[in-house]
C-alpha atoms as a PDB file:
ATOM      1  CA  MET A   1     101.756 281.732 147.529  1.00  0.00           C
ATOM      2  CA  ALA A   2     103.414 279.262 150.073  1.00  0.00           C
ATOM      3  CA  LEU A   3     103.040 276.579 147.427  1.00  0.00           C
ATOM      4  CA  PHE A   4     104.799 278.706 144.742  1.00  0.00           C
ATOM      5  CA  ALA A   5     107.694 279.660 147.161  1.00  0.00           C
ATOM      6  CA  TYR A   6     108.175 276.047 147.978  1.00  0.00           C
ATOM      7  CA  SER A   7     108.176 275.046 144.334  1.00  0.00           C
ATOM      8  CA  ARG A   8     110.557 277.749 143.586  1.00  0.00           C
ATOM      9  CA  LEU A   9     113.049 276.754 146.319  1.00  0.00           C
ATOM     10  CA  SER A  10     112.904 273.134 145.053  1.00  0.00           C
ATOM     11  CA  HIS A  11     113.713 274.294 141.581  1.00  0.00           C
ATOM     12  CA  LEU A  12     116.707 276.447 142.888  1.00  0.00           C
ATOM     13  CA  LEU A  13     118.144 273.499 144.940  1.00  0.00           C
ATOM     14  CA  THR A  14     117.833 271.274 141.897  1.00  0.00           C
ATOM     15  CA  ILE A  15     119.751 273.681 139.732  1.00  0.00           C
ATOM     16  CA  SER A  16     122.403 274.104 142.501  1.00  0.00           C
ATOM     17  CA  VAL A  17     123.065 270.446 142.748  1.00  0.00           C
ATOM     18  CA  TYR A  18     123.199 270.113 138.910  1.00  0.00           C
ATOM     19  CA  LYS A  19     125.662 273.086 138.632  1.00  0.00           C
ATOM     20  CA  SER A  20     127.932 271.685 141.438  1.00  0.00           C
ATOM     21  CA  SER A  21     128.202 268.311 139.622  1.00  0.00           C
ATOM     22  CA  VAL A  22     128.802 270.001 136.177  1.00  0.00           C
ATOM     23  CA  LEU A  23     131.338 272.313 137.631  1.00  0.00           C
ATOM     24  CA  ARG A  24     133.501 269.532 138.920  1.00  0.00           C
ATOM     25  CA  THR A  25     136.931 269.285 137.139  1.00  0.00           C
ATOM     26  CA  GLY A  26     137.758 266.306 134.881  1.00  0.00           C
ATOM     27  CA  SER A  27     140.368 265.173 137.300  1.00  0.00           C
ATOM     28  CA  GLU A  28     137.762 264.980 140.097  1.00  0.00           C
ATOM     29  CA  ILE A  29     135.369 263.032 137.921  1.00  0.00           C
ATOM     30  CA  LYS A  30     138.128 260.625 136.814  1.00  0.00           C
ATOM     31  CA  HIS A  31     139.416 260.252 140.520  1.00  0.00           C
ATOM     32  CA  GLY A  32     135.764 259.403 141.514  1.00  0.00           C
ATOM     33  CA  ALA A  33     135.344 256.825 138.877  1.00  0.00           C
ATOM     34  CA  THR A  34     138.784 255.255 139.742  1.00  0.00           C
ATOM     35  CA  CYS A  35     137.685 255.001 143.363  1.00  0.00           C
ATOM     36  CA  CYS A  36     134.524 253.296 142.303  1.00  0.00           C
ATOM     37  CA  VAL A  37     136.329 250.782 140.128  1.00  0.00           C
ATOM     38  CA  GLN A  38     138.854 250.040 142.913  1.00  0.00           C
ATOM     39  CA  PHE A  39     136.095 249.596 145.428  1.00  0.00           C
ATOM     40  CA  LYS A  40     134.437 247.114 143.098  1.00  0.00           C
ATOM     41  CA  ARG A  41     137.597 245.169 142.551  1.00  0.00           C
ATOM     42  CA  CYS A  42     138.218 245.065 146.225  1.00  0.00           C
ATOM     43  CA  GLN A  43     134.768 243.915 146.916  1.00  0.00           C
ATOM     44  CA  ARG A  44     135.247 241.133 144.208  1.00  0.00           C
ATOM     45  CA  SER A  45     138.640 240.085 145.850  1.00  0.00           C
ATOM     46  CA  VAL A  46     137.045 239.865 149.176  1.00  0.00           C
ATOM     47  CA  ASP A  47     134.085 237.854 147.906  1.00  0.00           C
ATOM     48  CA  SER A  48     136.410 235.532 145.972  1.00  0.00           C
ATOM     49  CA  LYS A  49     138.552 234.918 149.053  1.00  0.00           C
ATOM     50  CA  ALA A  50     135.426 234.215 151.154  1.00  0.00           C
ATOM     51  CA  LEU A  51     134.211 231.729 148.558  1.00  0.00           C
ATOM     52  CA  GLN A  52     137.517 230.013 148.453  1.00  0.00           C
ATOM     53  CA  GLU A  53     137.618 229.691 152.287  1.00  0.00           C
ATOM     54  CA  ARG A  54     134.039 228.273 152.216  1.00  0.00           C
ATOM     55  CA  GLN A  55     135.016 225.705 149.511  1.00  0.00           C
ATOM     56  CA  ARG A  56     138.176 224.712 151.477  1.00  0.00           C
ATOM     57  CA  GLN A  57     136.151 224.243 154.612  1.00  0.00           C
ATOM     58  CA  GLN A  58     133.446 222.093 152.750  1.00  0.00           C
ATOM     59  CA  MET A  59     136.256 219.977 151.132  1.00  0.00           C
ATOM     60  CA  ALA A  60     137.948 219.528 154.484  1.00  0.00           C
ATOM     61  CA  ARG A  61     134.770 218.136 156.025  1.00  0.00           C
ATOM     62  CA  GLY A  62     134.587 215.459 153.366  1.00  0.00           C
ATOM     63  CA  LEU A  63     138.336 214.378 153.587  1.00  0.00           C
ATOM     64  CA  PRO A  64     139.523 211.724 155.913  1.00  0.00           C
ATOM     65  CA  LYS A  65     141.708 212.918 158.825  1.00  0.00           C
ATOM     66  CA  GLN A  66     145.325 212.064 158.445  1.00  0.00           C
ATOM     67  CA  LYS A  67     146.423 209.521 160.998  1.00  0.00           C
ATOM     68  CA  PRO A  68     150.258 208.556 161.363  1.00  0.00           C
ATOM     69  CA  ILE A  69     151.171 204.945 160.929  1.00  0.00           C
ATOM     70  CA  PRO A  70     152.065 203.714 164.442  1.00  0.00           C
ATOM     71  CA  GLY A  71     155.903 203.454 164.977  1.00  0.00           C
ATOM     72  CA  VAL A  72     156.746 205.126 161.773  1.00  0.00           C
ATOM     73  CA  LYS A  73     158.470 208.525 162.051  1.00  0.00           C
ATOM     74  CA  GLN A  74     158.619 209.597 158.373  1.00  0.00           C
ATOM     75  CA  VAL A  75     156.923 208.307 155.166  1.00  0.00           C
ATOM     76  CA  ILE A  76     158.681 208.763 151.900  1.00  0.00           C
ATOM     77  CA  VAL A  77     156.770 208.138 148.771  1.00  0.00           C
ATOM     78  CA  VAL A  78     158.479 207.235 145.405  1.00  0.00           C
ATOM     79  CA  ALA A  79     156.355 207.986 142.521  1.00  0.00           C
ATOM     80  CA  SER A  80     156.339 208.450 138.661  1.00  0.00           C
ATOM     81  CA  GLY A  81     153.848 209.715 136.267  1.00  0.00           C
ATOM     82  CA  LYS A  82     154.189 206.660 134.153  1.00  0.00           C
ATOM     83  CA  GLY A  83     155.336 203.015 134.356  1.00  0.00           C
ATOM     84  CA  GLY A  84     158.569 201.618 133.053  1.00  0.00           C
ATOM     85  CA  VAL A  85     160.979 204.416 134.335  1.00  0.00           C
ATOM     86  CA  GLY A  86     162.569 202.248 136.991  1.00  0.00           C
ATOM     87  CA  LYS A  87     160.453 203.495 139.992  1.00  0.00           C
ATOM     88  CA  SER A  88     160.311 200.206 141.966  1.00  0.00           C
ATOM     89  CA  THR A  89     164.100 199.606 141.493  1.00  0.00           C
ATOM     90  CA  THR A  90     164.847 203.127 142.737  1.00  0.00           C
ATOM     91  CA  ALA A  91     162.490 202.663 145.676  1.00  0.00           C
ATOM     92  CA  VAL A  92     164.116 199.421 146.873  1.00  0.00           C
ATOM     93  CA  ASN A  93     167.756 200.791 146.259  1.00  0.00           C
ATOM     94  CA  LEU A  94     166.754 204.056 147.995  1.00  0.00           C
ATOM     95  CA  ALA A  95     165.486 202.207 151.141  1.00  0.00           C
ATOM     96  CA  LEU A  96     168.721 200.148 151.202  1.00  0.00           C
ATOM     97  CA  GLY A  97     170.707 203.345 150.586  1.00  0.00           C
ATOM     98  CA  LEU A  98     169.105 205.136 153.464  1.00  0.00           C
ATOM     99  CA  MET A  99     170.064 202.254 155.814  1.00  0.00           C
ATOM    100  CA  ALA A 100     173.554 201.842 154.262  1.00  0.00           C
ATOM    101  CA  ASN A 101     174.328 205.630 154.795  1.00  0.00           C
ATOM    102  CA  ASP A 102     173.327 205.388 158.406  1.00  0.00           C
ATOM    103  CA  MET A 103     173.135 201.940 160.015  1.00  0.00           C
ATOM    104  CA  SER A 104     171.561 203.175 163.055  1.00  0.00           C
ATOM    105  CA  LYS A 105     168.324 204.082 161.017  1.00  0.00           C
ATOM    106  CA  SER A 106     165.583 201.485 160.545  1.00  0.00           C
ATOM    107  CA  VAL A 107     163.915 201.495 157.167  1.00  0.00           C
ATOM    108  CA  GLY A 108     160.687 199.632 155.833  1.00  0.00           C
ATOM    109  CA  LEU A 109     159.441 199.251 152.309  1.00  0.00           C
ATOM    110  CA  LEU A 110     155.690 199.385 151.416  1.00  0.00           C
ATOM    111  CA  ASP A 111     154.607 198.214 148.008  1.00  0.00           C
ATOM    112  CA  ALA A 112     151.485 200.184 147.212  1.00  0.00           C
ATOM    113  CA  ASP A 113     151.375 199.002 143.519  1.00  0.00           C
ATOM    114  CA  VAL A 114     148.340 196.711 144.035  1.00  0.00           C
ATOM    115  CA  PHE A 115     147.861 195.759 140.411  1.00  0.00           C
ATOM    116  CA  GLY A 116     151.762 195.156 139.641  1.00  0.00           C
ATOM    117  CA  PRO A 117     153.663 194.501 142.855  1.00  0.00           C
ATOM    118  CA  SER A 118     157.374 194.217 142.286  1.00  0.00           C
ATOM    119  CA  ILE A 119     158.857 194.324 145.758  1.00  0.00           C
ATOM    120  CA  PRO A 120     158.558 190.579 146.295  1.00  0.00           C
ATOM    121  CA  LYS A 121     160.707 189.904 143.234  1.00  0.00           C
ATOM    122  CA  LEU A 122     163.231 192.736 143.877  1.00  0.00           C
ATOM    123  CA  MET A 123     163.705 191.828 147.568  1.00  0.00           C
ATOM    124  CA  ASN A 124     163.651 188.022 146.940  1.00  0.00           C
ATOM    125  CA  LEU A 125     160.757 187.411 149.277  1.00  0.00           C
ATOM    126  CA  LYS A 126     158.048 184.825 149.280  1.00  0.00           C
ATOM    127  CA  GLY A 127     155.370 183.626 151.524  1.00  0.00           C
ATOM    128  CA  ASN A 128     152.310 184.808 153.474  1.00  0.00           C
ATOM    129  CA  PRO A 129     152.863 187.316 156.345  1.00  0.00           C
ATOM    130  CA  GLU A 130     151.969 186.006 159.686  1.00  0.00           C
ATOM    131  CA  LEU A 131     149.666 187.653 162.155  1.00  0.00           C
ATOM    132  CA  SER A 132     150.951 189.367 165.353  1.00  0.00           C
ATOM    133  CA  ASP A 133     150.440 187.952 168.774  1.00  0.00           C
ATOM    134  CA  ASN A 134     148.040 190.631 169.574  1.00  0.00           C
ATOM    135  CA  LEU A 135     144.956 188.952 168.127  1.00  0.00           C
ATOM    136  CA  SER A 136     142.747 191.908 168.941  1.00  0.00           C
ATOM    137  CA  ALA A 137     144.993 194.200 166.777  1.00  0.00           C
ATOM    138  CA  ASN A 138     144.950 191.556 163.851  1.00  0.00           C
ATOM    139  CA  ARG A 139     148.049 193.085 162.300  1.00  0.00           C
ATOM    140  CA  MET A 140     150.323 191.403 159.713  1.00  0.00           C
ATOM    141  CA  ILE A 141     153.975 190.989 160.392  1.00  0.00           C
ATOM    142  CA  PRO A 142     156.178 192.203 157.399  1.00  0.00           C
ATOM    143  CA  LEU A 143     158.517 189.761 155.678  1.00  0.00           C
ATOM    144  CA  THR A 144     162.025 190.900 156.064  1.00  0.00           C
ATOM    145  CA  ASN A 145     165.208 190.600 153.887  1.00  0.00           C
ATOM    146  CA  TYR A 146     168.561 192.603 154.027  1.00  0.00           C
ATOM    147  CA  GLY A 147     167.228 194.092 157.304  1.00  0.00           C
ATOM    148  CA  VAL A 148     164.298 195.829 155.557  1.00  0.00           C
ATOM    149  CA  PRO A 149     160.794 194.789 156.600  1.00  0.00           C
ATOM    150  CA  CYS A 150     158.568 194.615 153.493  1.00  0.00           C
ATOM    151  CA  MET A 151     154.870 194.476 152.860  1.00  0.00           C
ATOM    152  CA  SER A 152     153.183 193.920 149.481  1.00  0.00           C
ATOM    153  CA  MET A 153     149.957 192.748 147.947  1.00  0.00           C
ATOM    154  CA  GLY A 154     152.212 190.198 146.155  1.00  0.00           C
ATOM    155  CA  PHE A 155     152.670 188.342 149.441  1.00  0.00           C
ATOM    156  CA  LEU A 156     148.738 187.883 149.655  1.00  0.00           C
ATOM    157  CA  VAL A 157     148.167 186.458 146.242  1.00  0.00           C
ATOM    158  CA  ASP A 158     149.722 183.822 143.938  1.00  0.00           C
ATOM    159  CA  ASP A 159     152.650 185.004 141.806  1.00  0.00           C
ATOM    160  CA  VAL A 160     150.776 184.790 138.456  1.00  0.00           C
ATOM    161  CA  ALA A 161     147.370 185.628 139.782  1.00  0.00           C
ATOM    162  CA  PRO A 162     145.927 188.878 138.215  1.00  0.00           C
ATOM    163  CA  ILE A 163     144.434 191.323 140.593  1.00  0.00           C
ATOM    164  CA  VAL A 164     141.096 192.217 139.054  1.00  0.00           C
ATOM    165  CA  TRP A 165     139.516 194.709 141.523  1.00  0.00           C
ATOM    166  CA  ARG A 166     137.233 197.605 141.383  1.00  0.00           C
ATOM    167  CA  GLY A 167     137.910 200.939 142.934  1.00  0.00           C
ATOM    168  CA  LEU A 168     136.400 200.216 146.373  1.00  0.00           C
ATOM    169  CA  MET A 169     138.132 196.832 146.745  1.00  0.00           C
ATOM    170  CA  VAL A 170     141.494 198.670 145.669  1.00  0.00           C
ATOM    171  CA  MET A 171     140.902 201.347 148.400  1.00  0.00           C
ATOM    172  CA  SER A 172     140.126 198.577 150.904  1.00  0.00           C
ATOM    173  CA  GLY A 173     143.381 196.854 150.107  1.00  0.00           C
ATOM    174  CA  ILE A 174     145.365 200.066 150.452  1.00  0.00           C
ATOM    175  CA  GLU A 175     143.737 200.623 153.833  1.00  0.00           C
ATOM    176  CA  LYS A 176     144.716 197.214 155.003  1.00  0.00           C
ATOM    177  CA  LEU A 177     148.415 197.799 153.796  1.00  0.00           C
ATOM    178  CA  LEU A 178     148.495 201.087 155.646  1.00  0.00           C
ATOM    179  CA  ARG A 179     146.718 200.162 158.869  1.00  0.00           C
ATOM    180  CA  GLN A 180     146.920 196.536 159.523  1.00  0.00           C
ATOM    181  CA  VAL A 181     150.711 195.947 159.368  1.00  0.00           C
ATOM    182  CA  ASP A 182     152.883 195.765 162.447  1.00  0.00           C
ATOM    183  CA  TRP A 183     155.944 197.838 161.330  1.00  0.00           C
ATOM    184  CA  GLY A 184     157.493 197.956 164.719  1.00  0.00           C
ATOM    185  CA  SER A 185     159.655 201.147 165.081  1.00  0.00           C
ATOM    186  CA  LEU A 186     160.869 202.681 161.800  1.00  0.00           C
ATOM    187  CA  ASP A 187     162.744 205.892 161.043  1.00  0.00           C
ATOM    188  CA  TYR A 188     161.754 205.750 157.352  1.00  0.00           C
ATOM    189  CA  LEU A 189     158.981 203.972 155.542  1.00  0.00           C
ATOM    190  CA  VAL A 190     159.582 204.111 151.788  1.00  0.00           C
ATOM    191  CA  VAL A 191     156.366 203.639 149.779  1.00  0.00           C
ATOM    192  CA  ASP A 192     156.602 202.381 146.229  1.00  0.00           C
ATOM    193  CA  MET A 193     153.633 204.010 144.689  1.00  0.00           C
ATOM    194  CA  PRO A 194     151.843 202.877 141.482  1.00  0.00           C
ATOM    195  CA  PRO A 195     152.454 204.926 138.349  1.00  0.00           C
ATOM    196  CA  GLY A 196     150.111 207.720 137.480  1.00  0.00           C
ATOM    197  CA  THR A 197     147.929 210.152 139.579  1.00  0.00           C
ATOM    198  CA  GLY A 198     144.811 208.169 140.352  1.00  0.00           C
ATOM    199  CA  ASP A 199     142.762 206.921 143.373  1.00  0.00           C
ATOM    200  CA  VAL A 200     145.630 205.149 145.120  1.00  0.00           C
ATOM    201  CA  GLN A 201     147.827 208.107 145.211  1.00  0.00           C
ATOM    202  CA  LEU A 202     145.017 210.385 146.448  1.00  0.00           C
ATOM    203  CA  SER A 203     143.989 207.920 149.102  1.00  0.00           C
ATOM    204  CA  ILE A 204     147.427 207.503 150.471  1.00  0.00           C
ATOM    205  CA  THR A 205     148.235 211.249 150.628  1.00  0.00           C
ATOM    206  CA  GLN A 206     144.848 211.921 152.289  1.00  0.00           C
ATOM    207  CA  ASN A 207     145.130 209.140 154.961  1.00  0.00           C
ATOM    208  CA  ILE A 208     148.748 209.466 156.252  1.00  0.00           C
ATOM    209  CA  PRO A 209     151.006 212.318 156.853  1.00  0.00           C
ATOM    210  CA  ILE A 210     153.851 212.169 154.225  1.00  0.00           C
ATOM    211  CA  ALA A 211     157.196 213.744 154.750  1.00  0.00           C
ATOM    212  CA  GLY A 212     157.994 214.208 151.115  1.00  0.00           C
ATOM    213  CA  ALA A 213     157.721 212.695 147.578  1.00  0.00           C
ATOM    214  CA  VAL A 214     160.445 211.549 145.319  1.00  0.00           C
ATOM    215  CA  ILE A 215     159.651 211.720 141.625  1.00  0.00           C
ATOM    216  CA  VAL A 216     161.396 209.230 139.235  1.00  0.00           C
ATOM    217  CA  SER A 217     161.740 209.833 135.522  1.00  0.00           C
ATOM    218  CA  THR A 218     163.926 209.127 132.545  1.00  0.00           C
ATOM    219  CA  PRO A 219     165.359 212.066 130.558  1.00  0.00           C
ATOM    220  CA  GLN A 220     162.971 211.343 127.816  1.00  0.00           C
ATOM    221  CA  ASP A 221     160.434 214.031 126.921  1.00  0.00           C
ATOM    222  CA  ILE A 222     157.371 211.750 127.032  1.00  0.00           C
ATOM    223  CA  ALA A 223     158.351 210.499 130.554  1.00  0.00           C
ATOM    224  CA  LEU A 224     159.036 213.994 131.664  1.00  0.00           C
ATOM    225  CA  LEU A 225     155.422 215.203 130.680  1.00  0.00           C
ATOM    226  CA  ASP A 226     153.991 212.679 133.099  1.00  0.00           C
ATOM    227  CA  ALA A 227     156.692 213.323 135.772  1.00  0.00           C
ATOM    228  CA  ARG A 228     155.573 216.838 135.837  1.00  0.00           C
ATOM    229  CA  ARG A 229     152.011 215.876 136.296  1.00  0.00           C
ATOM    230  CA  GLY A 230     152.997 213.726 139.250  1.00  0.00           C
ATOM    231  CA  ALA A 231     154.897 216.629 140.817  1.00  0.00           C
ATOM    232  CA  GLU A 232     151.986 218.899 140.455  1.00  0.00           C
ATOM    233  CA  MET A 233     149.629 216.457 142.012  1.00  0.00           C
ATOM    234  CA  PHE A 234     151.769 216.174 145.177  1.00  0.00           C
ATOM    235  CA  LYS A 235     151.860 220.103 145.345  1.00  0.00           C
ATOM    236  CA  LYS A 236     148.083 220.298 145.105  1.00  0.00           C
ATOM    237  CA  VAL A 237     147.650 217.939 147.915  1.00  0.00           C
ATOM    238  CA  ASN A 238     150.224 219.700 149.941  1.00  0.00           C
ATOM    239  CA  VAL A 239     152.823 216.878 149.927  1.00  0.00           C
ATOM    240  CA  PRO A 240     156.479 218.351 149.698  1.00  0.00           C
ATOM    241  CA  VAL A 241     158.291 217.298 146.594  1.00  0.00           C
ATOM    242  CA  LEU A 242     161.776 216.341 147.819  1.00  0.00           C
ATOM    243  CA  GLY A 243     163.096 216.290 144.213  1.00  0.00           C
ATOM    244  CA  LEU A 244     163.624 214.432 140.955  1.00  0.00           C
ATOM    245  CA  VAL A 245     165.732 211.344 140.310  1.00  0.00           C
ATOM    246  CA  GLN A 246     166.913 210.982 136.644  1.00  0.00           C
ATOM    247  CA  ASN A 247     167.005 207.291 136.020  1.00  0.00           C
ATOM    248  CA  MET A 248     168.645 205.581 133.058  1.00  0.00           C
ATOM    249  CA  SER A 249     170.509 208.819 132.476  1.00  0.00           C
ATOM    250  CA  VAL A 250     173.374 207.384 130.507  1.00  0.00           C
ATOM    251  CA  PHE A 251     174.667 204.202 129.043  1.00  0.00           C
ATOM    252  CA  GLN A 252     178.314 203.229 129.245  1.00  0.00           C
ATOM    253  CA  CYS A 253     179.443 200.553 126.813  1.00  0.00           C
ATOM    254  CA  PRO A 254     181.126 197.648 128.979  1.00  0.00           C
ATOM    255  CA  ARG A 255     183.775 197.226 126.231  1.00  0.00           C
ATOM    256  CA  CYS A 256     184.962 200.791 125.358  1.00  0.00           C
ATOM    257  CA  ASN A 257     183.409 202.788 128.120  1.00  0.00           C
ATOM    258  CA  HIS A 258     181.804 205.110 125.542  1.00  0.00           C
ATOM    259  CA  GLU A 259     178.768 207.029 126.967  1.00  0.00           C
ATOM    260  CA  THR A 260     175.501 207.238 125.130  1.00  0.00           C
ATOM    261  CA  HIS A 261     172.480 209.253 126.242  1.00  0.00           C
ATOM    262  CA  ILE A 262     169.850 206.808 124.887  1.00  0.00           C
ATOM    263  CA  PHE A 263     166.868 208.627 126.459  1.00  0.00           C
ATOM    264  CA  GLY A 264     168.218 212.143 126.076  1.00  0.00           C
ATOM    265  CA  SER A 265     170.380 214.219 128.236  1.00  0.00           C
ATOM    266  CA  ASP A 266     169.584 216.165 131.447  1.00  0.00           C
ATOM    267  CA  GLY A 267     165.787 216.269 130.774  1.00  0.00           C
ATOM    268  CA  ALA A 268     164.985 215.648 134.556  1.00  0.00           C
ATOM    269  CA  ARG A 269     167.541 218.213 135.671  1.00  0.00           C
ATOM    270  CA  GLN A 270     166.028 220.790 133.405  1.00  0.00           C
ATOM    271  CA  LEU A 271     162.501 219.890 134.599  1.00  0.00           C
ATOM    272  CA  ALA A 272     163.595 220.249 138.247  1.00  0.00           C
ATOM    273  CA  ASP A 273     164.815 223.777 137.492  1.00  0.00           C
ATOM    274  CA  THR A 274     161.517 224.579 135.847  1.00  0.00           C
ATOM    275  CA  LEU A 275     159.422 223.273 138.743  1.00  0.00           C
ATOM    276  CA  GLY A 276     161.674 224.895 141.238  1.00  0.00           C
ATOM    277  CA  VAL A 277     162.553 221.615 143.047  1.00  0.00           C
ATOM    278  CA  THR A 278     165.756 219.785 143.877  1.00  0.00           C
ATOM    279  CA  PHE A 279     167.523 217.581 141.508  1.00  0.00           C
ATOM    280  CA  LEU A 280     168.389 214.623 143.626  1.00  0.00           C
ATOM    281  CA  GLY A 281     170.838 212.736 141.200  1.00  0.00           C
ATOM    282  CA  ASP A 282     171.503 210.577 138.210  1.00  0.00           C
ATOM    283  CA  ILE A 283     171.107 206.830 138.117  1.00  0.00           C
ATOM    284  CA  PRO A 284     173.020 205.149 135.092  1.00  0.00           C
ATOM    285  CA  LEU A 285     171.426 202.621 132.662  1.00  0.00           C
ATOM    286  CA  HIS A 286     173.649 199.743 133.582  1.00  0.00           C
ATOM    287  CA  ILE A 287     173.333 195.933 133.146  1.00  0.00           C
ATOM    288  CA  THR A 288     174.438 195.341 136.671  1.00  0.00           C
ATOM    289  CA  ILE A 289     171.350 197.016 138.066  1.00  0.00           C
ATOM    290  CA  ARG A 290     169.089 194.989 135.906  1.00  0.00           C
ATOM    291  CA  GLU A 291     170.881 191.761 136.632  1.00  0.00           C
ATOM    292  CA  THR A 292     170.969 192.188 140.438  1.00  0.00           C
ATOM    293  CA  SER A 293     167.285 193.367 140.448  1.00  0.00           C
ATOM    294  CA  ASP A 294     166.155 190.210 138.576  1.00  0.00           C
ATOM    295  CA  ARG A 295     168.058 188.027 141.076  1.00  0.00           C
ATOM    296  CA  GLY A 296     166.312 189.798 144.046  1.00  0.00           C
ATOM    297  CA  GLN A 297     169.824 191.089 145.127  1.00  0.00           C
ATOM    298  CA  PRO A 298     169.642 194.872 144.768  1.00  0.00           C
ATOM    299  CA  VAL A 299     172.942 196.548 143.611  1.00  0.00           C
ATOM    300  CA  VAL A 300     173.333 198.527 146.852  1.00  0.00           C
ATOM    301  CA  ILE A 301     173.680 195.157 148.659  1.00  0.00           C
ATOM    302  CA  SER A 302     175.176 192.951 146.134  1.00  0.00           C
ATOM    303  CA  SER A 303     177.775 195.378 144.753  1.00  0.00           C
ATOM    304  CA  PRO A 304     178.205 198.020 147.355  1.00  0.00           C
ATOM    305  CA  ASN A 305     181.450 199.348 145.913  1.00  0.00           C
ATOM    306  CA  SER A 306     180.140 199.776 142.344  1.00  0.00           C
ATOM    307  CA  PRO A 307     179.404 203.200 140.801  1.00  0.00           C
ATOM    308  CA  GLU A 308     175.863 202.261 140.478  1.00  0.00           C
ATOM    309  CA  ALA A 309     175.526 201.515 144.217  1.00  0.00           C
ATOM    310  CA  ALA A 310     177.231 204.826 145.019  1.00  0.00           C
ATOM    311  CA  ALA A 311     174.826 206.625 142.740  1.00  0.00           C
ATOM    312  CA  TYR A 312     171.873 205.307 144.792  1.00  0.00           C
ATOM    313  CA  ARG A 313     173.521 206.128 148.065  1.00  0.00           C
ATOM    314  CA  LYS A 314     174.104 209.702 146.780  1.00  0.00           C
ATOM    315  CA  VAL A 315     170.331 209.961 146.093  1.00  0.00           C
ATOM    316  CA  ALA A 316     169.605 208.738 149.479  1.00  0.00           C
ATOM    317  CA  SER A 317     171.895 211.307 151.080  1.00  0.00           C
ATOM    318  CA  ALA A 318     170.195 214.019 149.046  1.00  0.00           C
ATOM    319  CA  VAL A 319     166.705 212.763 150.231  1.00  0.00           C
ATOM    320  CA  VAL A 320     167.803 213.059 153.815  1.00  0.00           C
ATOM    321  CA  GLN A 321     169.091 216.536 153.322  1.00  0.00           C
ATOM    322  CA  ARG A 322     165.805 217.568 151.786  1.00  0.00           C
ATOM    323  CA  LEU A 323     163.866 216.083 154.620  1.00  0.00           C
ATOM    324  CA  GLN A 324     165.835 218.060 157.099  1.00  0.00           C
ATOM    325  CA  THR A 325     165.245 221.244 155.094  1.00  0.00           C
ATOM    326  CA  VAL A 326     161.458 220.545 154.661  1.00  0.00           C
ATOM    327  CA  SER A 327     160.869 219.834 158.412  1.00  0.00           C
ATOM    328  CA  SER A 328     162.913 222.694 159.732  1.00  0.00           C
END
């Protein structure tokens, strides 16, 4: 009898639970399902953030710690997605423009393009750097011209000798250029980066704190594609993109002064708007820039009153303004 009563009670409870679930309104069922979905989504979001944080911590353990270059206040890298857009010429005249705009500032120039060093030619410098008096430090003394101390792999090899190095040797060379140079006291160190987005760029951005990157491009579509890749790379490694420089923006005929946009018009300006970065200025395609660069007498120094020199000084002013904005 007791067993029958217990079985009957269990049956009634089962029916009661079943009825209560059946009698729930549609809105209640829908609300319950929605809460369940939202809970799952929230759980996935939490799991995803936790995974990303773990990955970030693991990556941080494997990355070298950034160490500032002794005596250097701010490092500015000048980069391009591809070669042949006038990056090195821009880097040289930017360094000279920074000093011309404010003579109280000291500026250095580092040529990080190991395979194609251009700074020795552009700055009219030759010879091997000497070692500092402090033999324990074993640091090289930069070669100086126009008041700008310069260091380049071109000072360490013959002019026509090809540099045929594998990745590890390249990284070792970059490390020496970064750490074994006695720069003295500098307000700005302008680094002429190699073209592209490879090992050298990654090594430099991971080893030293960089105040900002200047991207150089022509207005041509094919150059802009690579310039965009360069800008995105710096964003990924948390280097502020100071802005874009549009080089070879317009050609002016020396006879009739007619202007021709050989490589297109305003491509870099439009790309800057797309990326949400600052447009730093235009540099014209002019024979004076080419001739003075080939002679090792940059236009900012040799023709300071020319419109071309004024264009570089304007870019230098825009870079300083961006540095102040980024650091504030």
